[in-house]
Amino acid sequence: MEKNLKQLTNRIHYLPPDPETDRPILSAICGIHQTLIIDAGNSDKHAQLFLDALDQYQTTNYHSVVLTHWHWDHSFGTNKMNLLTIAHENTKRYLENIIDYDWSDEALDNRVEKGLEIEFCSEMIKKEFGVDRNITITLPNITFKEKMEIDLGGVRCVVQHVGGDHSDDSSIIFVEEEKVLFLGDCLYPSIYTQQPLYKIDHVRHLIESIEMFDADIYVLSHELPLTKEQFIGYINALKLICDLADKHQSNHLNLVNELSTQLNRPLSQLEEEIVYCFMNGLSVS
């Protein structure tokens, strides 16, 4: 488990993701006057680990924590953060829906059976919290509809709602002076559907929103930060598969054949997974 804070730029520190219990990246943007935290962590333990690591850098005067979306792994540490919390208005609405949930094994299993929870998330919650499961859902103090800006002193953060298939409340955070874009999970496929899926129009709109920001470093929550070159490669693959899915619709074989021909090689595992998600999206359109 990675417990050491990493430096992304002069003003940005982050705690790497930990797949063991699906912990996403947690980040701190340090302005001259205040510090902004991105995402609250998946538990009190995760949040405390991050705060303790920041203490070693003598980071003080926290402005707030911004939630990229409502999912448990990004929001269940909010109570421990004990900071002003900012999120999109839909993020608050989703958290309100689960505030009175019982988190016992029996209740989790029951929600999985009813399709209200995902098996993967249920297992990760059990693993992260153990048997003595004290989970407090804390609602955001401030919500926004489309966009807001936060000035930390010498560093300006733009928080913008972008939506997407993964979660329609997804927001991204652009740190202009550092040329860093925090994407949360917005580029991942949906998970609260029978099968993971991408919708063609959603992906196109999302990519359009992201490309408006001129970043050099891109941070997706469950992987290490990407360079501009790496990110462009990722986005180009997504665009190409999106266009071919639109062209071939539900004809999986034709899509795979043309994609493989254009790439001049067999598909990678990631490309196969993306194709699968678009096929799922087309089947429920």
C-alpha atoms as a PDB file:
ATOM      1  CA  MET A   1       0.000   0.000   0.000  1.00  0.00           C
ATOM      2  CA  GLU A   2       1.391   3.408  -1.041  1.00  0.00           C
ATOM      3  CA  LYS A   3       1.486   5.721   1.971  1.00  0.00           C
ATOM      4  CA  ASN A   4       3.949   8.340   0.782  1.00  0.00           C
ATOM      5  CA  LEU A   5       2.941  11.679  -0.627  1.00  0.00           C
ATOM      6  CA  LYS A   6       4.274  12.421  -4.115  1.00  0.00           C
ATOM      7  CA  GLN A   7       5.006  15.807  -5.622  1.00  0.00           C
ATOM      8  CA  LEU A   8       3.302  16.378  -8.975  1.00  0.00           C
ATOM      9  CA  THR A   9       4.339  20.021  -9.471  1.00  0.00           C
ATOM     10  CA  ASN A  10       5.714  22.755  -7.200  1.00  0.00           C
ATOM     11  CA  ARG A  11       2.260  23.418  -5.834  1.00  0.00           C
ATOM     12  CA  ILE A  12       0.553  20.021  -6.083  1.00  0.00           C
ATOM     13  CA  HIS A  13       1.024  16.915  -3.919  1.00  0.00           C
ATOM     14  CA  TYR A  14      -0.830  13.634  -4.261  1.00  0.00           C
ATOM     15  CA  LEU A  15      -1.273  10.261  -2.606  1.00  0.00           C
ATOM     16  CA  PRO A  16      -1.191   7.541  -5.309  1.00  0.00           C
ATOM     17  CA  PRO A  17      -4.194   5.240  -5.845  1.00  0.00           C
ATOM     18  CA  ASP A  18      -4.330   1.907  -4.054  1.00  0.00           C
ATOM     19  CA  PRO A  19      -6.237  -0.866  -5.873  1.00  0.00           C
ATOM     20  CA  GLU A  20      -6.182  -3.089  -2.767  1.00  0.00           C
ATOM     21  CA  THR A  21      -9.366  -1.398  -1.494  1.00  0.00           C
ATOM     22  CA  ASP A  22     -10.066   0.799  -4.530  1.00  0.00           C
ATOM     23  CA  ARG A  23      -8.600   3.971  -3.025  1.00  0.00           C
ATOM     24  CA  PRO A  24      -8.426   6.779  -5.606  1.00  0.00           C
ATOM     25  CA  ILE A  25      -5.738   9.450  -5.876  1.00  0.00           C
ATOM     26  CA  LEU A  26      -6.122  12.239  -3.299  1.00  0.00           C
ATOM     27  CA  SER A  27      -4.533  15.574  -4.187  1.00  0.00           C
ATOM     28  CA  ALA A  28      -3.704  18.887  -2.546  1.00  0.00           C
ATOM     29  CA  ILE A  29      -3.273  22.140  -4.467  1.00  0.00           C
ATOM     30  CA  CYS A  30      -1.239  24.557  -2.365  1.00  0.00           C
ATOM     31  CA  GLY A  31      -1.698  28.256  -3.094  1.00  0.00           C
ATOM     32  CA  ILE A  32       0.096  31.081  -1.342  1.00  0.00           C
ATOM     33  CA  HIS A  33      -2.833  31.581   1.054  1.00  0.00           C
ATOM     34  CA  GLN A  34      -4.861  28.370   1.070  1.00  0.00           C
ATOM     35  CA  THR A  35      -4.867  24.688   0.086  1.00  0.00           C
ATOM     36  CA  LEU A  36      -7.586  22.864  -1.841  1.00  0.00           C
ATOM     37  CA  ILE A  37      -8.039  19.095  -1.490  1.00  0.00           C
ATOM     38  CA  ILE A  38      -9.465  17.035  -4.342  1.00  0.00           C
ATOM     39  CA  ASP A  39     -11.655  14.137  -3.189  1.00  0.00           C
ATOM     40  CA  ALA A  40     -12.155  13.033   0.382  1.00  0.00           C
ATOM     41  CA  GLY A  41     -11.030   9.398   0.191  1.00  0.00           C
ATOM     42  CA  ASN A  42     -12.889   6.125   0.601  1.00  0.00           C
ATOM     43  CA  SER A  43     -12.850   6.027   4.424  1.00  0.00           C
ATOM     44  CA  ASP A  44     -11.786   7.846   7.576  1.00  0.00           C
ATOM     45  CA  LYS A  45      -8.535   5.871   7.454  1.00  0.00           C
ATOM     46  CA  HIS A  46      -7.792   6.950   3.899  1.00  0.00           C
ATOM     47  CA  ALA A  47      -8.595  10.604   4.654  1.00  0.00           C
ATOM     48  CA  GLN A  48      -6.469  10.547   7.824  1.00  0.00           C
ATOM     49  CA  LEU A  49      -3.537   8.964   5.991  1.00  0.00           C
ATOM     50  CA  PHE A  50      -3.620  11.837   3.507  1.00  0.00           C
ATOM     51  CA  LEU A  51      -3.999  14.565   6.141  1.00  0.00           C
ATOM     52  CA  ASP A  52      -1.123  13.091   8.175  1.00  0.00           C
ATOM     53  CA  ALA A  53       1.072  13.016   5.062  1.00  0.00           C
ATOM     54  CA  LEU A  54       0.222  16.660   4.341  1.00  0.00           C
ATOM     55  CA  ASP A  55       1.079  17.582   7.953  1.00  0.00           C
ATOM     56  CA  GLN A  56       4.635  16.429   7.303  1.00  0.00           C
ATOM     57  CA  TYR A  57       4.818  19.096   4.587  1.00  0.00           C
ATOM     58  CA  GLN A  58       3.425  21.599   7.107  1.00  0.00           C
ATOM     59  CA  THR A  59       0.446  22.202   4.860  1.00  0.00           C
ATOM     60  CA  THR A  60      -2.045  24.475   6.611  1.00  0.00           C
ATOM     61  CA  ASN A  61      -4.980  26.786   6.030  1.00  0.00           C
ATOM     62  CA  TYR A  62      -7.240  24.428   4.100  1.00  0.00           C
ATOM     63  CA  HIS A  63      -9.795  26.131   1.880  1.00  0.00           C
ATOM     64  CA  SER A  64     -12.027  23.131   1.222  1.00  0.00           C
ATOM     65  CA  VAL A  65     -12.331  19.667  -0.290  1.00  0.00           C
ATOM     66  CA  VAL A  66     -13.906  19.321  -3.756  1.00  0.00           C
ATOM     67  CA  LEU A  67     -15.643  16.033  -4.602  1.00  0.00           C
ATOM     68  CA  THR A  68     -15.267  14.923  -8.230  1.00  0.00           C
ATOM     69  CA  HIS A  69     -18.449  12.800  -7.901  1.00  0.00           C
ATOM     70  CA  TRP A  70     -20.552  10.975  -5.306  1.00  0.00           C
ATOM     71  CA  HIS A  71     -19.202   7.387  -5.458  1.00  0.00           C
ATOM     72  CA  TRP A  72     -18.207   5.901  -2.095  1.00  0.00           C
ATOM     73  CA  ASP A  73     -14.468   5.712  -2.778  1.00  0.00           C
ATOM     74  CA  HIS A  74     -14.342   9.489  -3.338  1.00  0.00           C
ATOM     75  CA  SER A  75     -16.733  10.632  -0.619  1.00  0.00           C
ATOM     76  CA  PHE A  76     -16.734   8.344   2.426  1.00  0.00           C
ATOM     77  CA  GLY A  77     -13.749  10.170   3.964  1.00  0.00           C
ATOM     78  CA  THR A  78     -15.566  13.544   3.974  1.00  0.00           C
ATOM     79  CA  ASN A  79     -16.506  13.304   7.658  1.00  0.00           C
ATOM     80  CA  LYS A  80     -12.862  12.774   8.692  1.00  0.00           C
ATOM     81  CA  MET A  81     -11.635  15.603   6.426  1.00  0.00           C
ATOM     82  CA  ASN A  82     -13.896  17.903   8.461  1.00  0.00           C
ATOM     83  CA  LEU A  83     -13.555  20.714   5.924  1.00  0.00           C
ATOM     84  CA  LEU A  84     -15.839  22.929   3.905  1.00  0.00           C
ATOM     85  CA  THR A  85     -16.998  20.564   1.132  1.00  0.00           C
ATOM     86  CA  ILE A  86     -17.819  21.626  -2.427  1.00  0.00           C
ATOM     87  CA  ALA A  87     -19.561  19.464  -5.017  1.00  0.00           C
ATOM     88  CA  HIS A  88     -21.928  19.564  -7.976  1.00  0.00           C
ATOM     89  CA  GLU A  89     -25.598  19.832  -6.984  1.00  0.00           C
ATOM     90  CA  ASN A  90     -26.267  16.276  -8.257  1.00  0.00           C
ATOM     91  CA  THR A  91     -23.428  14.932  -6.093  1.00  0.00           C
ATOM     92  CA  LYS A  92     -25.270  16.222  -3.036  1.00  0.00           C
ATOM     93  CA  ARG A  93     -28.535  14.749  -4.294  1.00  0.00           C
ATOM     94  CA  TYR A  94     -26.979  11.290  -4.769  1.00  0.00           C
ATOM     95  CA  LEU A  95     -25.368  11.392  -1.320  1.00  0.00           C
ATOM     96  CA  GLU A  96     -28.712  12.391   0.216  1.00  0.00           C
ATOM     97  CA  ASN A  97     -30.182   9.217  -1.310  1.00  0.00           C
ATOM     98  CA  ILE A  98     -27.729   6.972   0.574  1.00  0.00           C
ATOM     99  CA  ILE A  99     -27.372   8.927   3.829  1.00  0.00           C
ATOM    100  CA  ASP A 100     -29.621   6.568   5.815  1.00  0.00           C
ATOM    101  CA  TYR A 101     -28.272   3.323   4.346  1.00  0.00           C
ATOM    102  CA  ASP A 102     -27.301   0.432   6.583  1.00  0.00           C
ATOM    103  CA  TRP A 103     -23.750  -0.734   5.748  1.00  0.00           C
ATOM    104  CA  SER A 104     -23.823  -4.180   7.366  1.00  0.00           C
ATOM    105  CA  ASP A 105     -22.863  -7.231   5.283  1.00  0.00           C
ATOM    106  CA  GLU A 106     -26.510  -8.253   5.140  1.00  0.00           C
ATOM    107  CA  ALA A 107     -27.675  -4.824   3.933  1.00  0.00           C
ATOM    108  CA  LEU A 108     -24.881  -4.593   1.340  1.00  0.00           C
ATOM    109  CA  ASP A 109     -25.621  -8.112   0.044  1.00  0.00           C
ATOM    110  CA  ASN A 110     -29.315  -7.264  -0.143  1.00  0.00           C
ATOM    111  CA  ARG A 111     -28.654  -4.119  -2.200  1.00  0.00           C
ATOM    112  CA  VAL A 112     -26.368  -6.075  -4.552  1.00  0.00           C
ATOM    113  CA  GLU A 113     -29.163  -8.638  -5.023  1.00  0.00           C
ATOM    114  CA  LYS A 114     -31.640  -5.849  -5.830  1.00  0.00           C
ATOM    115  CA  GLY A 115     -29.221  -4.180  -8.264  1.00  0.00           C
ATOM    116  CA  LEU A 116     -28.822  -1.070  -6.079  1.00  0.00           C
ATOM    117  CA  GLU A 117     -25.171  -1.800  -5.357  1.00  0.00           C
ATOM    118  CA  ILE A 118     -22.359  -3.379  -7.330  1.00  0.00           C
ATOM    119  CA  GLU A 119     -20.669  -6.576  -6.171  1.00  0.00           C
ATOM    120  CA  PHE A 120     -17.209  -4.999  -6.625  1.00  0.00           C
ATOM    121  CA  CYS A 121     -18.045  -1.912  -4.535  1.00  0.00           C
ATOM    122  CA  SER A 122     -19.688  -4.035  -1.851  1.00  0.00           C
ATOM    123  CA  GLU A 123     -16.597  -6.249  -1.520  1.00  0.00           C
ATOM    124  CA  MET A 124     -14.250  -3.241  -1.451  1.00  0.00           C
ATOM    125  CA  ILE A 125     -16.333  -1.514   1.256  1.00  0.00           C
ATOM    126  CA  LYS A 126     -16.176  -4.673   3.370  1.00  0.00           C
ATOM    127  CA  LYS A 127     -12.414  -4.878   2.848  1.00  0.00           C
ATOM    128  CA  GLU A 128     -11.717  -1.191   3.538  1.00  0.00           C
ATOM    129  CA  PHE A 129     -13.922  -0.905   6.644  1.00  0.00           C
ATOM    130  CA  GLY A 130     -13.567  -4.374   8.161  1.00  0.00           C
ATOM    131  CA  VAL A 131     -16.164  -5.828  10.493  1.00  0.00           C
ATOM    132  CA  ASP A 132     -16.588  -2.756  12.711  1.00  0.00           C
ATOM    133  CA  ARG A 133     -18.134  -0.596  10.004  1.00  0.00           C
ATOM    134  CA  ASN A 134     -18.807   2.963  11.106  1.00  0.00           C
ATOM    135  CA  ILE A 135     -19.730   4.918   7.969  1.00  0.00           C
ATOM    136  CA  THR A 136     -20.975   8.494   8.146  1.00  0.00           C
ATOM    137  CA  ILE A 137     -22.209  10.149   4.959  1.00  0.00           C
ATOM    138  CA  THR A 138     -21.453  13.873   5.084  1.00  0.00           C
ATOM    139  CA  LEU A 139     -23.182  16.172   2.623  1.00  0.00           C
ATOM    140  CA  PRO A 140     -21.416  18.987   0.754  1.00  0.00           C
ATOM    141  CA  ASN A 141     -21.769  22.487   2.259  1.00  0.00           C
ATOM    142  CA  ILE A 142     -21.595  24.313  -1.086  1.00  0.00           C
ATOM    143  CA  THR A 143     -22.953  23.138  -4.435  1.00  0.00           C
ATOM    144  CA  PHE A 144     -22.684  24.551  -7.940  1.00  0.00           C
ATOM    145  CA  LYS A 145     -24.599  23.978 -11.168  1.00  0.00           C
ATOM    146  CA  GLU A 146     -22.073  24.428 -13.990  1.00  0.00           C
ATOM    147  CA  LYS A 147     -18.781  25.971 -12.928  1.00  0.00           C
ATOM    148  CA  MET A 148     -17.010  27.724 -10.071  1.00  0.00           C
ATOM    149  CA  GLU A 149     -13.575  29.236  -9.543  1.00  0.00           C
ATOM    150  CA  ILE A 150     -11.433  29.112  -6.406  1.00  0.00           C
ATOM    151  CA  ASP A 151      -8.474  31.454  -5.886  1.00  0.00           C
ATOM    152  CA  LEU A 152      -5.921  29.983  -3.456  1.00  0.00           C
ATOM    153  CA  GLY A 153      -3.450  32.831  -3.859  1.00  0.00           C
ATOM    154  CA  GLY A 154      -1.291  32.650  -6.971  1.00  0.00           C
ATOM    155  CA  VAL A 155      -3.222  29.553  -8.057  1.00  0.00           C
ATOM    156  CA  ARG A 156      -6.674  29.565  -9.612  1.00  0.00           C
ATOM    157  CA  CYS A 157      -8.735  26.388  -9.756  1.00  0.00           C
ATOM    158  CA  VAL A 158     -11.646  26.011 -12.157  1.00  0.00           C
ATOM    159  CA  VAL A 159     -14.175  23.380 -11.070  1.00  0.00           C
ATOM    160  CA  GLN A 160     -16.481  22.388 -13.926  1.00  0.00           C
ATOM    161  CA  HIS A 161     -19.307  19.914 -14.257  1.00  0.00           C
ATOM    162  CA  VAL A 162     -18.801  17.592 -17.259  1.00  0.00           C
ATOM    163  CA  GLY A 163     -20.999  14.553 -16.556  1.00  0.00           C
ATOM    164  CA  GLY A 164     -20.281  11.389 -18.532  1.00  0.00           C
ATOM    165  CA  ASP A 165     -21.350   7.750 -18.403  1.00  0.00           C
ATOM    166  CA  HIS A 166     -19.451   6.868 -15.232  1.00  0.00           C
ATOM    167  CA  SER A 167     -21.502   9.307 -13.162  1.00  0.00           C
ATOM    168  CA  ASP A 168     -23.581  12.194 -14.483  1.00  0.00           C
ATOM    169  CA  ASP A 169     -22.476  14.454 -11.600  1.00  0.00           C
ATOM    170  CA  SER A 170     -18.779  14.204 -12.527  1.00  0.00           C
ATOM    171  CA  SER A 171     -16.738  17.393 -12.230  1.00  0.00           C
ATOM    172  CA  ILE A 172     -13.175  18.160 -13.278  1.00  0.00           C
ATOM    173  CA  ILE A 173     -10.700  20.611 -11.757  1.00  0.00           C
ATOM    174  CA  PHE A 174      -8.235  22.629 -13.836  1.00  0.00           C
ATOM    175  CA  VAL A 175      -5.247  24.289 -12.180  1.00  0.00           C
ATOM    176  CA  GLU A 176      -4.286  26.878 -14.766  1.00  0.00           C
ATOM    177  CA  GLU A 177      -0.900  27.975 -13.378  1.00  0.00           C
ATOM    178  CA  GLU A 178       0.284  24.365 -13.053  1.00  0.00           C
ATOM    179  CA  LYS A 179      -1.395  23.167 -16.269  1.00  0.00           C
ATOM    180  CA  VAL A 180      -2.839  20.162 -14.442  1.00  0.00           C
ATOM    181  CA  LEU A 181      -6.323  18.753 -15.094  1.00  0.00           C
ATOM    182  CA  PHE A 182      -7.953  16.488 -12.490  1.00  0.00           C
ATOM    183  CA  LEU A 183     -10.496  14.243 -14.218  1.00  0.00           C
ATOM    184  CA  GLY A 184     -11.816  12.122 -11.367  1.00  0.00           C
ATOM    185  CA  ASP A 185     -13.492   9.063 -12.906  1.00  0.00           C
ATOM    186  CA  CYS A 186     -15.342  10.928 -15.665  1.00  0.00           C
ATOM    187  CA  LEU A 187     -13.682   9.070 -18.572  1.00  0.00           C
ATOM    188  CA  TYR A 188     -14.432   5.612 -17.181  1.00  0.00           C
ATOM    189  CA  PRO A 189     -17.547   3.704 -18.327  1.00  0.00           C
ATOM    190  CA  SER A 190     -20.742   3.444 -16.300  1.00  0.00           C
ATOM    191  CA  ILE A 191     -20.760   0.976 -13.438  1.00  0.00           C
ATOM    192  CA  TYR A 192     -24.323   1.254 -12.087  1.00  0.00           C
ATOM    193  CA  THR A 193     -25.751  -0.475 -15.146  1.00  0.00           C
ATOM    194  CA  GLN A 194     -26.205  -4.178 -15.906  1.00  0.00           C
ATOM    195  CA  GLN A 195     -23.011  -4.076 -17.969  1.00  0.00           C
ATOM    196  CA  PRO A 196     -20.352  -1.327 -18.105  1.00  0.00           C
ATOM    197  CA  LEU A 197     -21.190   0.974 -21.003  1.00  0.00           C
ATOM    198  CA  TYR A 198     -20.290   4.034 -23.052  1.00  0.00           C
ATOM    199  CA  LYS A 199     -22.871   6.070 -24.979  1.00  0.00           C
ATOM    200  CA  ILE A 200     -21.507   7.617 -28.194  1.00  0.00           C
ATOM    201  CA  ASP A 201     -23.034  11.078 -27.686  1.00  0.00           C
ATOM    202  CA  HIS A 202     -21.984  11.187 -24.014  1.00  0.00           C
ATOM    203  CA  VAL A 203     -18.362  10.341 -24.840  1.00  0.00           C
ATOM    204  CA  ARG A 204     -18.183  12.929 -27.625  1.00  0.00           C
ATOM    205  CA  HIS A 205     -19.598  15.669 -25.402  1.00  0.00           C
ATOM    206  CA  LEU A 206     -17.262  14.711 -22.559  1.00  0.00           C
ATOM    207  CA  ILE A 207     -14.129  14.751 -24.735  1.00  0.00           C
ATOM    208  CA  GLU A 208     -15.186  18.124 -26.159  1.00  0.00           C
ATOM    209  CA  SER A 209     -15.481  19.535 -22.613  1.00  0.00           C
ATOM    210  CA  ILE A 210     -12.087  18.149 -21.574  1.00  0.00           C
ATOM    211  CA  GLU A 211     -10.280  19.390 -24.686  1.00  0.00           C
ATOM    212  CA  MET A 212     -11.217  22.975 -23.824  1.00  0.00           C
ATOM    213  CA  PHE A 213      -8.507  22.884 -21.140  1.00  0.00           C
ATOM    214  CA  ASP A 214      -4.841  23.176 -22.108  1.00  0.00           C
ATOM    215  CA  ALA A 215      -3.103  20.877 -19.630  1.00  0.00           C
ATOM    216  CA  ASP A 216       0.315  19.219 -19.565  1.00  0.00           C
ATOM    217  CA  ILE A 217      -0.579  16.666 -16.857  1.00  0.00           C
ATOM    218  CA  TYR A 218      -3.840  14.722 -16.618  1.00  0.00           C
ATOM    219  CA  VAL A 219      -4.931  12.972 -13.427  1.00  0.00           C
ATOM    220  CA  LEU A 220      -7.440  10.108 -13.608  1.00  0.00           C
ATOM    221  CA  SER A 221      -8.342   8.921 -10.125  1.00  0.00           C
ATOM    222  CA  HIS A 222      -7.393   5.255 -10.357  1.00  0.00           C
ATOM    223  CA  GLU A 223      -4.100   5.436 -12.216  1.00  0.00           C
ATOM    224  CA  LEU A 224      -0.883   7.391 -12.044  1.00  0.00           C
ATOM    225  CA  PRO A 225      -0.821  10.875 -13.634  1.00  0.00           C
ATOM    226  CA  LEU A 226      -0.511  10.952 -17.433  1.00  0.00           C
ATOM    227  CA  THR A 227       1.653  13.226 -19.574  1.00  0.00           C
ATOM    228  CA  LYS A 228      -0.005  15.188 -22.385  1.00  0.00           C
ATOM    229  CA  GLU A 229       1.324  12.673 -24.920  1.00  0.00           C
ATOM    230  CA  GLN A 230      -0.025   9.685 -22.968  1.00  0.00           C
ATOM    231  CA  PHE A 231      -3.384  11.366 -22.508  1.00  0.00           C
ATOM    232  CA  ILE A 232      -3.712  12.294 -26.193  1.00  0.00           C
ATOM    233  CA  GLY A 233      -3.059   8.624 -27.041  1.00  0.00           C
ATOM    234  CA  TYR A 234      -5.800   7.564 -24.603  1.00  0.00           C
ATOM    235  CA  ILE A 235      -8.297  10.114 -25.946  1.00  0.00           C
ATOM    236  CA  ASN A 236      -7.514   9.341 -29.599  1.00  0.00           C
ATOM    237  CA  ALA A 237      -8.214   5.636 -28.993  1.00  0.00           C
ATOM    238  CA  LEU A 238     -11.517   6.535 -27.334  1.00  0.00           C
ATOM    239  CA  LYS A 239     -12.452   8.874 -30.225  1.00  0.00           C
ATOM    240  CA  LEU A 240     -11.571   6.313 -32.893  1.00  0.00           C
ATOM    241  CA  ILE A 241     -13.562   3.525 -31.253  1.00  0.00           C
ATOM    242  CA  CYS A 242     -16.435   5.956 -30.681  1.00  0.00           C
ATOM    243  CA  ASP A 243     -16.491   6.857 -34.411  1.00  0.00           C
ATOM    244  CA  LEU A 244     -16.297   3.212 -35.484  1.00  0.00           C
ATOM    245  CA  ALA A 245     -19.064   2.257 -33.060  1.00  0.00           C
ATOM    246  CA  ASP A 246     -21.198   4.987 -34.630  1.00  0.00           C
ATOM    247  CA  LYS A 247     -20.359   3.679 -38.116  1.00  0.00           C
ATOM    248  CA  HIS A 248     -20.847  -0.044 -37.480  1.00  0.00           C
ATOM    249  CA  GLN A 249     -23.461   0.214 -34.697  1.00  0.00           C
ATOM    250  CA  SER A 250     -23.994  -3.254 -33.163  1.00  0.00           C
ATOM    251  CA  ASN A 251     -21.827  -5.110 -35.691  1.00  0.00           C
ATOM    252  CA  HIS A 252     -19.043  -6.056 -33.286  1.00  0.00           C
ATOM    253  CA  LEU A 253     -16.988  -8.064 -35.778  1.00  0.00           C
ATOM    254  CA  ASN A 254     -16.884  -5.296 -38.407  1.00  0.00           C
ATOM    255  CA  LEU A 255     -15.887  -2.750 -35.765  1.00  0.00           C
ATOM    256  CA  VAL A 256     -13.053  -4.921 -34.444  1.00  0.00           C
ATOM    257  CA  ASN A 257     -11.812  -5.742 -37.953  1.00  0.00           C
ATOM    258  CA  GLU A 258     -11.705  -2.105 -39.068  1.00  0.00           C
ATOM    259  CA  LEU A 259     -10.117  -0.967 -35.807  1.00  0.00           C
ATOM    260  CA  SER A 260      -7.448  -3.649 -36.048  1.00  0.00           C
ATOM    261  CA  THR A 261      -6.799  -2.688 -39.705  1.00  0.00           C
ATOM    262  CA  GLN A 262      -6.485   1.013 -38.863  1.00  0.00           C
ATOM    263  CA  LEU A 263      -4.117   0.278 -35.975  1.00  0.00           C
ATOM    264  CA  ASN A 264      -2.254  -2.344 -38.020  1.00  0.00           C
ATOM    265  CA  ARG A 265      -2.147  -4.730 -35.057  1.00  0.00           C
ATOM    266  CA  PRO A 266      -4.412  -6.835 -32.824  1.00  0.00           C
ATOM    267  CA  LEU A 267      -6.370  -4.874 -30.210  1.00  0.00           C
ATOM    268  CA  SER A 268      -4.920  -4.315 -26.747  1.00  0.00           C
ATOM    269  CA  GLN A 269      -6.912  -5.435 -23.699  1.00  0.00           C
ATOM    270  CA  LEU A 270      -7.921  -1.812 -22.981  1.00  0.00           C
ATOM    271  CA  GLU A 271      -9.146  -1.350 -26.566  1.00  0.00           C
ATOM    272  CA  GLU A 272     -11.158  -4.578 -26.367  1.00  0.00           C
ATOM    273  CA  GLU A 273     -12.746  -3.371 -23.110  1.00  0.00           C
ATOM    274  CA  ILE A 274     -13.633   0.006 -24.663  1.00  0.00           C
ATOM    275  CA  VAL A 275     -15.227  -1.731 -27.683  1.00  0.00           C
ATOM    276  CA  TYR A 276     -17.222  -3.972 -25.305  1.00  0.00           C
ATOM    277  CA  CYS A 277     -18.498  -0.905 -23.422  1.00  0.00           C
ATOM    278  CA  PHE A 278     -19.630   0.838 -26.625  1.00  0.00           C
ATOM    279  CA  MET A 279     -21.389  -2.355 -27.759  1.00  0.00           C
ATOM    280  CA  ASN A 280     -23.224  -2.427 -24.414  1.00  0.00           C
ATOM    281  CA  GLY A 281     -24.167   1.223 -24.837  1.00  0.00           C
ATOM    282  CA  LEU A 282     -25.594   0.566 -28.307  1.00  0.00           C
ATOM    283  CA  SER A 283     -27.614  -2.416 -27.070  1.00  0.00           C
ATOM    284  CA  VAL A 284     -29.534  -0.283 -24.566  1.00  0.00           C
ATOM    285  CA  SER A 285     -30.009   2.814 -26.769  1.00  0.00           C
END
